[in-house]
Amino acid sequence: MKKADIIAIAEGLKLIEEGVETIQNVMRDNKIKSLQEIAAQLIPIFKDDDDSLSDSIVKHLN
């Protein structure tokens, strides 16, 4: 591995850590205790969605 590879891995790990913290904060704020509870809440929202929420998420991630 090159130095640039190690730096890229470290940056990726930092992003994962930040993502986990974000998820934990949302779960704590909404008193959600498991990923199953998140899925149970998200699935109906996405089923009822007219694709605008999905499109917004895709645009936000790109």
C-alpha atoms as a PDB file:
ATOM      1  CA  MET A   1       0.000   0.000   0.000  1.00  0.00           C
ATOM      2  CA  LYS A   2       1.057   3.510  -0.738  1.00  0.00           C
ATOM      3  CA  LYS A   3       0.895   6.442   1.652  1.00  0.00           C
ATOM      4  CA  ALA A   4      -2.017   7.858  -0.376  1.00  0.00           C
ATOM      5  CA  ASP A   5      -3.914   4.580   0.111  1.00  0.00           C
ATOM      6  CA  ILE A   6      -3.497   4.754   3.876  1.00  0.00           C
ATOM      7  CA  ILE A   7      -4.660   8.377   3.899  1.00  0.00           C
ATOM      8  CA  ALA A   8      -7.696   7.433   1.784  1.00  0.00           C
ATOM      9  CA  ILE A   9      -8.559   4.626   4.213  1.00  0.00           C
ATOM     10  CA  ALA A  10      -8.199   6.988   7.180  1.00  0.00           C
ATOM     11  CA  GLU A  11     -10.503   9.512   5.496  1.00  0.00           C
ATOM     12  CA  GLY A  12     -13.038   6.765   4.798  1.00  0.00           C
ATOM     13  CA  LEU A  13     -12.955   5.632   8.405  1.00  0.00           C
ATOM     14  CA  LYS A  14     -13.520   9.220   9.537  1.00  0.00           C
ATOM     15  CA  LEU A  15     -16.594   9.461   7.288  1.00  0.00           C
ATOM     16  CA  ILE A  16     -17.918   6.167   8.679  1.00  0.00           C
ATOM     17  CA  GLU A  17     -17.414   7.417  12.233  1.00  0.00           C
ATOM     18  CA  GLU A  18     -19.245  10.672  11.462  1.00  0.00           C
ATOM     19  CA  GLY A  19     -22.073   8.733   9.824  1.00  0.00           C
ATOM     20  CA  VAL A  20     -22.446   6.447  12.820  1.00  0.00           C
ATOM     21  CA  GLU A  21     -22.524   9.451  15.147  1.00  0.00           C
ATOM     22  CA  THR A  22     -25.229  11.080  13.015  1.00  0.00           C
ATOM     23  CA  ILE A  23     -27.328   7.921  13.032  1.00  0.00           C
ATOM     24  CA  GLN A  24     -26.889   7.501  16.789  1.00  0.00           C
ATOM     25  CA  ASN A  25     -27.935  11.120  17.402  1.00  0.00           C
ATOM     26  CA  VAL A  26     -31.100  10.721  15.323  1.00  0.00           C
ATOM     27  CA  MET A  27     -31.883   7.439  17.071  1.00  0.00           C
ATOM     28  CA  ARG A  28     -31.329   9.033  20.493  1.00  0.00           C
ATOM     29  CA  ASP A  29     -33.455  12.085  19.624  1.00  0.00           C
ATOM     30  CA  ASN A  30     -36.295   9.854  18.405  1.00  0.00           C
ATOM     31  CA  LYS A  31     -35.871   7.262  21.165  1.00  0.00           C
ATOM     32  CA  ILE A  32     -35.188   4.544  18.585  1.00  0.00           C
ATOM     33  CA  LYS A  33     -33.342   1.563  20.023  1.00  0.00           C
ATOM     34  CA  SER A  34     -32.566  -0.578  16.948  1.00  0.00           C
ATOM     35  CA  LEU A  35     -32.049  -0.510  13.211  1.00  0.00           C
ATOM     36  CA  GLN A  36     -35.158  -2.668  12.927  1.00  0.00           C
ATOM     37  CA  GLU A  37     -37.163   0.190  14.446  1.00  0.00           C
ATOM     38  CA  ILE A  38     -35.663   2.583  11.888  1.00  0.00           C
ATOM     39  CA  ALA A  39     -36.616   0.243   9.046  1.00  0.00           C
ATOM     40  CA  ALA A  40     -40.116  -0.166  10.448  1.00  0.00           C
ATOM     41  CA  GLN A  41     -40.552   3.602  10.317  1.00  0.00           C
ATOM     42  CA  LEU A  42     -38.836   4.169   6.968  1.00  0.00           C
ATOM     43  CA  ILE A  43     -40.486   1.430   4.911  1.00  0.00           C
ATOM     44  CA  PRO A  44     -44.018   2.912   5.080  1.00  0.00           C
ATOM     45  CA  ILE A  45     -42.661   6.377   4.305  1.00  0.00           C
ATOM     46  CA  PHE A  46     -40.903   5.150   1.171  1.00  0.00           C
ATOM     47  CA  LYS A  47     -43.901   3.028   0.131  1.00  0.00           C
ATOM     48  CA  ASP A  48     -46.195   6.074   0.345  1.00  0.00           C
ATOM     49  CA  ASP A  49     -43.647   8.402  -1.257  1.00  0.00           C
ATOM     50  CA  ASP A  50     -44.235   9.706  -4.768  1.00  0.00           C
ATOM     51  CA  ASP A  51     -40.494   9.360  -5.442  1.00  0.00           C
ATOM     52  CA  SER A  52     -39.781  12.954  -4.423  1.00  0.00           C
ATOM     53  CA  LEU A  53     -38.198  11.848  -1.137  1.00  0.00           C
ATOM     54  CA  SER A  54     -36.124   9.204  -2.906  1.00  0.00           C
ATOM     55  CA  ASP A  55     -35.059  11.743  -5.543  1.00  0.00           C
ATOM     56  CA  SER A  56     -34.129  14.252  -2.833  1.00  0.00           C
ATOM     57  CA  ILE A  57     -31.991  11.687  -1.036  1.00  0.00           C
ATOM     58  CA  VAL A  58     -30.232  10.623  -4.233  1.00  0.00           C
ATOM     59  CA  LYS A  59     -29.524  14.269  -5.147  1.00  0.00           C
ATOM     60  CA  HIS A  60     -28.237  14.976  -1.635  1.00  0.00           C
ATOM     61  CA  LEU A  61     -25.859  12.005  -1.754  1.00  0.00           C
ATOM     62  CA  ASN A  62     -24.411  12.907  -5.156  1.00  0.00           C
END
